[in-house]
Protein backbone atom coordinates (compact mmCIF):
# COMPACT_ATOMS: atom_id res chain seq x y z
CA MET A 1 -23.16 31.37 -20.67
CA ASP A 2 -24.15 32.35 -17.16
CA ALA A 3 -21.23 31.52 -14.87
CA PHE A 4 -23.63 30.88 -11.98
CA ASP A 5 -25.46 28.16 -13.89
CA VAL A 6 -22.84 25.49 -13.19
CA VAL A 7 -25.00 22.49 -14.00
CA ALA A 8 -26.16 23.90 -17.35
CA VAL A 9 -22.56 24.65 -18.37
CA TRP A 10 -21.53 21.12 -17.38
CA ASN A 11 -24.45 19.59 -19.28
CA ARG A 12 -23.63 21.55 -22.44
CA ILE A 13 -19.96 20.52 -22.40
CA TYR A 14 -20.96 16.93 -21.72
CA ARG A 15 -23.53 16.92 -24.54
CA MET A 16 -21.24 18.57 -27.08
CA GLN A 17 -18.04 16.65 -26.26
CA LEU A 18 -18.00 13.74 -23.80
CA SER A 19 -21.31 12.10 -24.72
CA SER A 20 -20.40 11.93 -28.41
CA HIS A 21 -16.61 11.47 -28.24
CA GLY A 22 -16.23 9.40 -25.06
CA MET A 23 -14.47 10.01 -21.76
CA GLY A 24 -11.20 11.25 -23.21
CA ALA A 25 -8.76 12.26 -20.49
CA ALA A 26 -8.00 15.69 -21.98
CA ALA A 27 -11.68 16.60 -22.30
CA ALA A 28 -12.55 15.39 -18.80
CA LEU A 29 -9.62 17.23 -17.23
CA ALA A 30 -10.51 20.42 -19.09
CA LEU A 31 -14.12 20.09 -17.94
CA SER A 32 -12.88 19.73 -14.37
CA GLY A 33 -10.96 22.99 -14.62
CA VAL A 34 -14.03 24.85 -15.90
CA ASP A 35 -16.23 23.24 -13.25
CA ILE A 36 -13.89 24.14 -10.38
CA ALA A 37 -13.69 27.76 -11.58
CA LEU A 38 -17.48 28.06 -11.77
CA TRP A 39 -17.94 26.62 -8.29
CA ASP A 40 -15.38 29.14 -7.06
CA ILE A 41 -17.43 31.95 -8.61
CA ARG A 42 -20.54 30.62 -6.87
CA GLY A 43 -18.77 30.46 -3.54
CA LYS A 44 -17.44 33.99 -3.80
CA ALA A 45 -20.83 35.38 -4.83
CA CYS A 46 -22.54 33.64 -1.94
CA GLY A 47 -19.78 34.15 0.61
CA TRP A 48 -19.80 30.47 1.48
CA PRO A 49 -17.14 27.77 1.23
CA ILE A 50 -17.91 25.23 -1.49
CA HIS A 51 -18.54 22.38 0.93
CA ARG A 52 -21.40 24.40 2.42
CA LEU A 53 -22.87 25.11 -1.02
CA LEU A 54 -22.96 21.35 -1.56
CA GLY A 55 -24.66 20.72 1.76
CA GLY A 56 -21.61 19.43 3.60
CA GLY A 57 -20.15 20.21 6.99
CA HIS A 58 -16.96 19.90 9.00
CA ASN A 59 -16.03 16.27 9.55
CA ALA A 60 -12.91 14.74 11.03
CA VAL A 61 -10.85 12.87 8.42
CA HIS A 62 -8.21 10.25 9.13
CA ALA A 63 -5.19 11.58 7.22
CA TYR A 64 -2.39 9.50 5.75
CA ALA A 65 1.06 10.46 4.51
CA GLY A 66 1.56 9.72 0.81
CA GLY A 67 4.46 9.98 -1.60
CA ILE A 68 6.56 7.47 0.28
CA SER A 69 9.00 5.44 -1.83
CA LEU A 70 8.61 7.58 -4.93
CA GLY A 71 11.92 6.20 -6.14
CA TRP A 72 11.40 2.68 -4.74
CA GLN A 73 14.37 3.29 -2.49
CA GLU A 74 16.23 0.74 -0.42
CA THR A 75 14.28 -0.59 2.53
CA SER A 76 16.46 1.21 5.09
CA ALA A 77 15.81 4.58 3.43
CA LEU A 78 12.11 3.80 3.12
CA VAL A 79 11.85 2.88 6.79
CA GLU A 80 13.64 6.08 7.78
CA GLU A 81 11.23 8.16 5.69
CA ALA A 82 8.21 6.33 7.11
CA GLN A 83 9.41 6.81 10.69
CA GLY A 84 9.76 10.53 10.00
CA TYR A 85 6.09 10.81 9.03
CA VAL A 86 5.07 8.93 12.17
CA ARG A 87 7.11 11.38 14.27
CA GLU A 88 5.16 14.18 12.58
CA GLY A 89 1.96 12.63 13.89
CA TYR A 90 0.66 10.56 10.98
CA ARG A 91 -0.93 7.26 11.98
CA ALA A 92 -1.34 5.99 8.42
CA LEU A 93 1.10 5.80 5.50
CA LYS A 94 0.76 4.95 1.82
CA LEU A 95 3.61 3.15 0.10
CA ARG A 96 4.23 3.09 -3.60
CA VAL A 97 4.36 -0.44 -5.03
CA GLY A 98 4.28 -1.81 -8.57
CA ASP A 99 8.03 -2.47 -8.82
CA THR A 100 8.17 -6.27 -8.58
CA PRO A 101 6.05 -8.44 -6.28
CA LYS A 102 9.15 -9.62 -4.40
CA LEU A 103 10.51 -6.12 -3.78
CA ASP A 104 7.07 -4.69 -3.03
CA ILE A 105 6.51 -7.30 -0.33
CA ALA A 106 9.98 -6.79 1.13
CA ARG A 107 9.48 -3.03 1.43
CA ALA A 108 6.01 -3.33 2.94
CA ARG A 109 7.27 -5.92 5.42
CA ALA A 110 10.21 -3.74 6.43
CA VAL A 111 7.90 -0.80 7.14
CA ARG A 112 5.48 -2.96 9.11
CA ASP A 113 8.31 -4.48 11.18
CA ALA A 114 9.69 -1.02 11.95
CA LEU A 115 6.41 0.71 12.78
CA GLY A 116 4.46 -2.06 14.46
CA ASP A 117 0.78 -2.90 14.22
CA ASP A 118 -0.63 0.44 15.36
CA ILE A 119 0.14 2.27 12.10
CA ASP A 120 -2.13 1.78 9.08
CA ILE A 121 -0.25 0.91 5.89
CA LEU A 122 -1.80 1.40 2.45
CA VAL A 123 -0.22 0.61 -0.92
CA ASP A 124 -0.63 2.21 -4.37
CA ALA A 125 0.48 0.35 -7.50
CA ASN A 126 -0.18 3.28 -9.87
CA THR A 127 -1.71 0.88 -12.45
CA GLY A 128 1.53 -1.13 -12.50
CA TYR A 129 0.23 -4.61 -11.58
CA THR A 130 -1.08 -7.49 -13.63
CA PRO A 131 -3.69 -9.88 -12.20
CA ASP A 132 -0.88 -12.40 -11.65
CA ASP A 133 1.07 -9.79 -9.67
CA VAL A 134 -1.94 -9.30 -7.41
CA ARG A 135 -2.22 -13.07 -6.94
CA ARG A 136 1.41 -13.14 -5.82
CA VAL A 137 1.33 -10.19 -3.43
CA MET A 138 -2.10 -10.67 -1.89
CA PRO A 139 -1.15 -13.32 0.72
CA ALA A 140 1.65 -11.14 2.05
CA TYR A 141 -0.50 -8.00 2.03
CA GLU A 142 -3.12 -9.89 4.03
CA GLU A 143 -0.49 -11.01 6.52
CA LEU A 144 0.79 -7.44 6.86
CA ALA A 145 -2.74 -6.06 7.35
CA ILE A 146 -2.48 -3.69 4.39
CA GLY A 147 -5.47 -1.33 4.45
CA TRP A 148 -6.03 -1.16 0.71
CA LEU A 149 -4.41 -1.87 -2.64
CA GLU A 150 -4.89 1.22 -4.79
CA GLU A 151 -5.11 1.29 -8.59
CA PRO A 152 -3.47 -2.03 -9.39
CA PHE A 153 -4.73 -1.76 -12.99
CA PRO A 154 -5.62 0.90 -15.57
CA PRO A 155 -8.99 2.48 -14.80
CA HIS A 156 -10.78 1.01 -17.83
CA ASP A 157 -9.80 -2.59 -17.03
CA TYR A 158 -12.96 -3.40 -15.07
CA ARG A 159 -12.59 -7.14 -15.65
CA ALA A 160 -9.17 -7.20 -13.97
CA TYR A 161 -10.57 -5.37 -10.94
CA LYS A 162 -13.41 -7.88 -10.62
CA ASP A 163 -11.01 -10.81 -10.91
CA ALA A 164 -8.54 -9.31 -8.41
CA SER A 165 -11.28 -8.71 -5.85
CA THR A 166 -11.65 -12.49 -5.50
CA LEU A 167 -7.97 -13.12 -4.80
CA GLY A 168 -7.88 -12.03 -1.15
CA THR A 169 -9.33 -9.89 1.59
CA VAL A 170 -7.30 -6.70 1.10
CA PRO A 171 -9.81 -4.20 -0.34
CA LEU A 172 -9.16 -2.49 -3.67
CA ALA A 173 -9.22 1.27 -4.14
CA ALA A 174 -9.52 3.25 -7.38
CA GLY A 175 -11.07 6.32 -8.94
CA GLU A 176 -8.28 8.84 -9.37
CA ASN A 177 -8.47 8.36 -13.14
CA HIS A 178 -12.18 7.68 -13.54
CA TYR A 179 -14.28 10.39 -15.12
CA THR A 180 -17.77 11.70 -14.32
CA ARG A 181 -20.54 10.06 -12.34
CA PHE A 182 -21.13 7.60 -15.16
CA GLU A 183 -17.81 5.82 -14.76
CA PHE A 184 -18.16 5.91 -10.97
CA THR A 185 -21.60 4.33 -11.26
CA ARG A 186 -20.07 1.31 -12.94
CA LEU A 187 -17.12 1.27 -10.56
CA ILE A 188 -19.47 1.11 -7.58
CA GLU A 189 -22.04 -1.24 -9.10
CA ASP A 190 -19.37 -3.78 -10.10
CA GLY A 191 -18.63 -4.17 -6.39
CA ALA A 192 -14.93 -4.89 -6.90
CA VAL A 193 -13.62 -1.59 -5.52
CA HIS A 194 -14.35 -0.76 -1.89
CA PHE A 195 -12.76 2.71 -1.75
CA ALA A 196 -13.83 5.15 -4.49
CA GLN A 197 -11.31 7.98 -4.83
CA PRO A 198 -12.44 10.76 -7.18
CA ASP A 199 -9.83 13.40 -7.97
CA LEU A 200 -11.77 16.66 -8.30
CA SER A 201 -9.13 18.13 -10.62
CA LYS A 202 -9.72 15.24 -13.04
CA THR A 203 -13.10 13.64 -12.63
CA GLY A 204 -15.26 16.36 -14.19
CA ALA A 205 -18.10 15.81 -11.71
CA SER A 206 -20.54 18.62 -11.04
CA PRO A 207 -23.05 17.74 -8.30
CA LYS A 208 -26.31 19.61 -8.09
CA PRO A 209 -25.88 22.60 -5.75
CA CYS A 210 -28.01 23.23 -2.69
CA VAL A 211 -28.08 26.95 -3.55
CA SER A 212 -30.30 27.84 -6.47
CA GLN A 213 -29.28 30.10 -9.33
CA ARG A 214 -32.19 32.40 -8.48
CA SER A 215 -30.92 32.86 -4.92
CA LEU A 216 -27.43 33.75 -6.18
CA LEU A 217 -28.81 36.28 -8.65
CA ARG A 218 -30.65 37.93 -5.78
CA GLY A 219 -27.45 38.03 -3.80
CA LYS A 220 -28.91 35.75 -1.16
CA CYS A 221 -28.13 32.33 0.23
CA PRO A 222 -30.67 30.17 2.06
């Protein structure tokens, strides 16, 4: 197929695999790899960065430091690691939770006490919570002004997300393991998740480009 015709390639793979066999992780991840490669070809042919092909621009983004507490370390070690990121200039941190509600709260509280109220703290459960876990941690996360609770449940458990969204005011985040615009449509329409987080190396999404195939074949960009 024509490597410039990104949308047609995506549609064919979707029609021949995902639409008939479902959103299997292996198929969606493989589609993402093909899609990224084709967008790269488009960008090189046009001489534009991909964000410009998609109609985007340069926008300031509030960065956070992730990967903290990968081993659920002792609170003193976690605080030391968090303070190091703040010294590097980060004003937001994401902690890994999903150990036990009691230990998760203790670690988040230790970081908040050490860093004060001016640093944003986010938490990521990596699908490790049950709805009862969320019920137990939510009051403390509200008290600690946690910015979001990310992926408390597996991506397909939409009912759990809807139930958890009623348990407190800390917003839920998800999307790293949701595939294509179809799953994100439901994620958004359900209204339970306030931060949608597509992972471009997984999600398989191919938005319609602002640069036409005809323009690329002519060697021109509008």
